[in-house]
Amino acid sequence: MRVSRFLFLIVAGLTHQAQADSLRCGSQLISSGDHEFEVQQKCGEPAARNLIGYLHSPNRREEVQIDEWIYGPTNGMYQYLRFEGGRLIGINSKRGN
C-alpha cells in the first residue's frame, strides 16, 4: 500500500512538471523541446525577443545562444519563453502591471 501511494506521488509530480512547460497558443500547443520555428508557426511573432547571451560548454568547442521571447499580454499575463540553441527549454508566466 505504501509503495503504490509513493508511486502515485512520483507520477503526479512528473505530470505537474510536464504541464508547467507547455503553453497553448490558440488551438496549438507548444512544449519544451520544440524548435523556434515551430513555436513561431504556432504562436506567431512574439511581442519582443531578447538575446540573453551565450552558454559555453566546458567540454566542447561550441557556444549555444540563449534567447527569450515574450508573448502577451493576454488577459494581463505575459509568457516568457526561453530558448537554448534554438530549442524551447522553459516557459514562465507573469502578470503585467
N, C-alpha and C. Protein backbone atom coordinates (compact mmCIF):
# COMPACT_ATOMS: atom_id res chain seq x y z
N MET A 1 0.81 -1.19 0.00
CA MET A 1 0.00 0.00 0.00
C MET A 1 0.86 1.26 0.00
N ARG A 2 1.92 1.27 0.81
CA ARG A 2 2.79 2.44 0.88
C ARG A 2 3.52 2.65 -0.44
N VAL A 3 3.89 1.55 -1.10
CA VAL A 3 4.61 1.65 -2.37
C VAL A 3 3.71 2.27 -3.44
N SER A 4 2.46 1.84 -3.52
CA SER A 4 1.56 2.40 -4.53
C SER A 4 1.29 3.88 -4.26
N ARG A 5 1.19 4.26 -3.01
CA ARG A 5 0.99 5.66 -2.67
C ARG A 5 2.22 6.49 -3.07
N PHE A 6 3.40 5.95 -2.81
CA PHE A 6 4.66 6.61 -3.17
C PHE A 6 4.76 6.77 -4.69
N LEU A 7 4.44 5.72 -5.45
CA LEU A 7 4.48 5.79 -6.91
C LEU A 7 3.49 6.81 -7.44
N PHE A 8 2.32 6.88 -6.83
CA PHE A 8 1.33 7.87 -7.25
C PHE A 8 1.87 9.29 -7.08
N LEU A 9 2.53 9.55 -5.96
CA LEU A 9 3.09 10.88 -5.72
C LEU A 9 4.17 11.22 -6.74
N ILE A 10 4.99 10.26 -7.09
CA ILE A 10 6.03 10.49 -8.10
C ILE A 10 5.41 10.80 -9.45
N VAL A 11 4.45 10.00 -9.87
CA VAL A 11 3.80 10.21 -11.17
C VAL A 11 3.06 11.55 -11.18
N ALA A 12 2.40 11.90 -10.10
CA ALA A 12 1.69 13.19 -10.02
C ALA A 12 2.68 14.34 -10.14
N GLY A 13 3.83 14.22 -9.51
CA GLY A 13 4.85 15.26 -9.60
C GLY A 13 5.40 15.40 -11.00
N LEU A 14 5.61 14.28 -11.69
CA LEU A 14 6.11 14.33 -13.06
C LEU A 14 5.08 14.94 -13.99
N THR A 15 3.83 14.62 -13.79
CA THR A 15 2.76 15.19 -14.61
C THR A 15 2.68 16.69 -14.42
N HIS A 16 2.80 17.15 -13.18
CA HIS A 16 2.76 18.59 -12.91
C HIS A 16 3.92 19.29 -13.60
N GLN A 17 5.10 18.70 -13.59
CA GLN A 17 6.27 19.30 -14.24
C GLN A 17 6.05 19.38 -15.75
N ALA A 18 5.48 18.35 -16.34
CA ALA A 18 5.25 18.37 -17.79
C ALA A 18 4.28 19.47 -18.16
N GLN A 19 3.27 19.69 -17.34
CA GLN A 19 2.30 20.73 -17.64
C GLN A 19 2.90 22.12 -17.49
N ALA A 20 3.89 22.26 -16.61
CA ALA A 20 4.49 23.57 -16.36
C ALA A 20 5.25 24.07 -17.57
N ASP A 21 5.73 23.19 -18.43
CA ASP A 21 6.49 23.60 -19.60
C ASP A 21 5.72 23.39 -20.89
N SER A 22 4.44 23.69 -20.86
CA SER A 22 3.58 23.66 -22.04
C SER A 22 2.75 24.93 -22.05
N LEU A 23 2.40 25.35 -23.26
CA LEU A 23 1.62 26.58 -23.41
C LEU A 23 0.70 26.44 -24.60
N ARG A 24 -0.53 26.87 -24.44
CA ARG A 24 -1.50 26.84 -25.53
C ARG A 24 -1.46 28.17 -26.27
N CYS A 25 -1.31 28.09 -27.58
CA CYS A 25 -1.36 29.26 -28.47
C CYS A 25 -2.54 29.04 -29.40
N GLY A 26 -3.67 29.65 -29.08
CA GLY A 26 -4.88 29.40 -29.86
C GLY A 26 -5.28 27.95 -29.69
N SER A 27 -5.34 27.20 -30.79
CA SER A 27 -5.68 25.78 -30.72
C SER A 27 -4.44 24.90 -30.75
N GLN A 28 -3.26 25.51 -30.78
CA GLN A 28 -1.99 24.78 -30.85
C GLN A 28 -1.36 24.68 -29.46
N LEU A 29 -0.50 23.69 -29.27
CA LEU A 29 0.20 23.50 -28.01
C LEU A 29 1.70 23.46 -28.28
N ILE A 30 2.46 24.25 -27.51
CA ILE A 30 3.92 24.19 -27.60
C ILE A 30 4.45 23.61 -26.29
N SER A 31 5.59 22.94 -26.37
CA SER A 31 6.18 22.29 -25.20
C SER A 31 7.68 22.40 -25.25
N SER A 32 8.30 22.16 -24.10
CA SER A 32 9.76 22.14 -24.03
C SER A 32 10.30 21.17 -25.07
N GLY A 33 11.37 21.58 -25.73
CA GLY A 33 11.97 20.76 -26.78
C GLY A 33 11.59 21.19 -28.18
N ASP A 34 10.53 22.00 -28.31
CA ASP A 34 10.12 22.49 -29.63
C ASP A 34 11.16 23.45 -30.19
N HIS A 35 11.30 23.48 -31.51
CA HIS A 35 12.20 24.41 -32.18
C HIS A 35 11.57 25.80 -32.27
N GLU A 36 12.42 26.82 -32.40
CA GLU A 36 11.94 28.20 -32.52
C GLU A 36 10.94 28.35 -33.66
N PHE A 37 11.24 27.75 -34.82
CA PHE A 37 10.34 27.91 -35.97
C PHE A 37 8.98 27.28 -35.70
N GLU A 38 8.93 26.16 -34.94
CA GLU A 38 7.65 25.55 -34.60
C GLU A 38 6.83 26.47 -33.69
N VAL A 39 7.52 27.07 -32.71
CA VAL A 39 6.84 27.99 -31.79
C VAL A 39 6.29 29.19 -32.55
N GLN A 40 7.09 29.73 -33.47
CA GLN A 40 6.64 30.89 -34.23
C GLN A 40 5.47 30.54 -35.14
N GLN A 41 5.49 29.35 -35.74
CA GLN A 41 4.37 28.92 -36.57
C GLN A 41 3.09 28.80 -35.76
N LYS A 42 3.19 28.29 -34.55
CA LYS A 42 2.01 28.05 -33.72
C LYS A 42 1.53 29.30 -32.99
N CYS A 43 2.47 30.14 -32.54
CA CYS A 43 2.11 31.29 -31.68
C CYS A 43 2.22 32.63 -32.38
N GLY A 44 2.84 32.66 -33.56
CA GLY A 44 3.03 33.92 -34.25
C GLY A 44 4.27 34.66 -33.76
N GLU A 45 4.41 35.88 -34.22
CA GLU A 45 5.56 36.71 -33.86
C GLU A 45 5.45 37.16 -32.40
N PRO A 46 6.51 37.03 -31.62
CA PRO A 46 6.45 37.49 -30.22
C PRO A 46 6.41 39.01 -30.13
N ALA A 47 5.94 39.52 -29.01
CA ALA A 47 5.93 40.97 -28.77
C ALA A 47 7.36 41.50 -28.65
N ALA A 48 8.27 40.67 -28.15
CA ALA A 48 9.67 41.07 -28.00
C ALA A 48 10.56 39.83 -28.04
N ARG A 49 11.78 40.04 -28.51
CA ARG A 49 12.82 39.00 -28.50
C ARG A 49 14.05 39.60 -27.86
N ASN A 50 14.64 38.88 -26.92
CA ASN A 50 15.85 39.35 -26.26
C ASN A 50 16.94 38.30 -26.36
N LEU A 51 18.13 38.75 -26.75
CA LEU A 51 19.29 37.87 -26.72
C LEU A 51 19.84 37.94 -25.30
N ILE A 52 19.78 36.84 -24.58
CA ILE A 52 20.24 36.79 -23.20
C ILE A 52 21.76 36.65 -23.15
N GLY A 53 22.31 35.83 -24.02
CA GLY A 53 23.75 35.62 -24.05
C GLY A 53 24.08 34.29 -24.67
N TYR A 54 25.24 33.78 -24.29
CA TYR A 54 25.72 32.51 -24.83
C TYR A 54 26.14 31.61 -23.69
N LEU A 55 25.90 30.33 -23.87
CA LEU A 55 26.29 29.31 -22.91
C LEU A 55 27.51 28.61 -23.48
N HIS A 56 28.60 28.58 -22.72
CA HIS A 56 29.82 27.92 -23.16
C HIS A 56 29.90 26.55 -22.52
N SER A 57 30.14 25.56 -23.33
CA SER A 57 30.28 24.20 -22.83
C SER A 57 31.74 23.96 -22.48
N PRO A 58 32.02 23.54 -21.24
CA PRO A 58 33.42 23.36 -20.84
C PRO A 58 34.11 22.20 -21.54
N ASN A 59 33.36 21.21 -22.00
CA ASN A 59 33.95 20.02 -22.61
C ASN A 59 33.95 20.05 -24.13
N ARG A 60 33.34 21.07 -24.71
CA ARG A 60 33.26 21.15 -26.17
C ARG A 60 33.65 22.53 -26.64
N ARG A 61 33.92 22.64 -27.92
CA ARG A 61 34.25 23.92 -28.53
C ARG A 61 33.03 24.49 -29.22
N GLU A 62 32.06 24.86 -28.43
CA GLU A 62 30.85 25.41 -29.02
C GLU A 62 30.20 26.40 -28.06
N GLU A 63 29.42 27.28 -28.64
CA GLU A 63 28.61 28.21 -27.88
C GLU A 63 27.15 27.96 -28.25
N VAL A 64 26.29 28.09 -27.29
CA VAL A 64 24.87 27.93 -27.52
C VAL A 64 24.20 29.26 -27.20
N GLN A 65 23.46 29.79 -28.17
CA GLN A 65 22.77 31.07 -27.98
C GLN A 65 21.55 30.89 -27.10
N ILE A 66 21.36 31.83 -26.17
CA ILE A 66 20.21 31.81 -25.27
C ILE A 66 19.33 33.02 -25.60
N ASP A 67 18.07 32.75 -25.95
CA ASP A 67 17.11 33.80 -26.32
C ASP A 67 15.90 33.73 -25.41
N GLU A 68 15.23 34.87 -25.27
CA GLU A 68 13.97 34.95 -24.55
C GLU A 68 12.95 35.62 -25.45
N TRP A 69 11.81 34.97 -25.64
CA TRP A 69 10.71 35.54 -26.40
C TRP A 69 9.61 35.87 -25.41
N ILE A 70 8.95 37.00 -25.65
CA ILE A 70 7.87 37.44 -24.76
C ILE A 70 6.58 37.57 -25.57
N TYR A 71 5.54 36.91 -25.09
CA TYR A 71 4.20 37.00 -25.68
C TYR A 71 3.26 37.64 -24.68
N GLY A 72 2.31 38.41 -25.20
CA GLY A 72 1.30 38.98 -24.31
C GLY A 72 1.26 40.48 -24.42
N PRO A 73 0.49 41.10 -23.60
CA PRO A 73 -0.29 40.47 -22.52
C PRO A 73 -1.58 39.83 -23.04
N THR A 74 -1.91 38.71 -22.49
CA THR A 74 -3.17 38.03 -22.75
C THR A 74 -3.89 37.93 -21.42
N ASN A 75 -4.97 38.65 -21.29
CA ASN A 75 -5.70 38.73 -20.02
C ASN A 75 -4.78 39.15 -18.88
N GLY A 76 -3.86 40.05 -19.18
CA GLY A 76 -2.95 40.57 -18.17
C GLY A 76 -1.71 39.73 -17.91
N MET A 77 -1.58 38.59 -18.60
CA MET A 77 -0.43 37.70 -18.37
C MET A 77 0.56 37.79 -19.52
N TYR A 78 1.84 37.81 -19.16
CA TYR A 78 2.92 37.73 -20.13
C TYR A 78 3.52 36.33 -20.06
N GLN A 79 3.88 35.80 -21.22
CA GLN A 79 4.52 34.49 -21.30
C GLN A 79 5.97 34.70 -21.72
N TYR A 80 6.90 34.19 -20.94
CA TYR A 80 8.33 34.31 -21.23
C TYR A 80 8.85 32.94 -21.64
N LEU A 81 9.29 32.83 -22.90
CA LEU A 81 9.79 31.58 -23.43
C LEU A 81 11.30 31.67 -23.56
N ARG A 82 12.01 30.69 -23.03
CA ARG A 82 13.48 30.69 -23.06
C ARG A 82 13.96 29.58 -23.99
N PHE A 83 14.86 29.96 -24.90
CA PHE A 83 15.42 29.03 -25.87
C PHE A 83 16.92 28.91 -25.67
N GLU A 84 17.44 27.70 -25.79
CA GLU A 84 18.88 27.46 -25.83
C GLU A 84 19.18 26.69 -27.11
N GLY A 85 20.03 27.28 -27.94
CA GLY A 85 20.38 26.63 -29.19
C GLY A 85 19.19 26.39 -30.10
N GLY A 86 18.20 27.28 -30.05
CA GLY A 86 17.04 27.17 -30.93
C GLY A 86 15.95 26.24 -30.42
N ARG A 87 16.11 25.68 -29.23
CA ARG A 87 15.09 24.79 -28.66
C ARG A 87 14.49 25.40 -27.41
N LEU A 88 13.18 25.24 -27.27
CA LEU A 88 12.47 25.76 -26.11
C LEU A 88 12.84 24.95 -24.87
N ILE A 89 13.34 25.64 -23.83
CA ILE A 89 13.73 24.93 -22.60
C ILE A 89 12.89 25.33 -21.39
N GLY A 90 12.14 26.44 -21.49
CA GLY A 90 11.34 26.84 -20.34
C GLY A 90 10.29 27.86 -20.68
N ILE A 91 9.19 27.81 -19.93
CA ILE A 91 8.08 28.75 -20.10
C ILE A 91 7.71 29.28 -18.72
N ASN A 92 7.69 30.59 -18.58
CA ASN A 92 7.28 31.24 -17.34
C ASN A 92 6.18 32.24 -17.64
N SER A 93 5.24 32.37 -16.72
CA SER A 93 4.14 33.33 -16.85
C SER A 93 4.20 34.32 -15.71
N LYS A 94 3.98 35.59 -16.05
CA LYS A 94 3.95 36.64 -15.03
C LYS A 94 2.85 37.62 -15.37
N ARG A 95 2.20 38.11 -14.33
CA ARG A 95 1.14 39.10 -14.52
C ARG A 95 1.79 40.46 -14.74
N GLY A 96 1.30 41.18 -15.76
CA GLY A 96 1.81 42.51 -16.08
C GLY A 96 1.24 43.55 -15.14
N ASN A 97 1.82 44.74 -15.19
CA ASN A 97 1.36 45.83 -14.31
C ASN A 97 0.15 46.51 -14.89
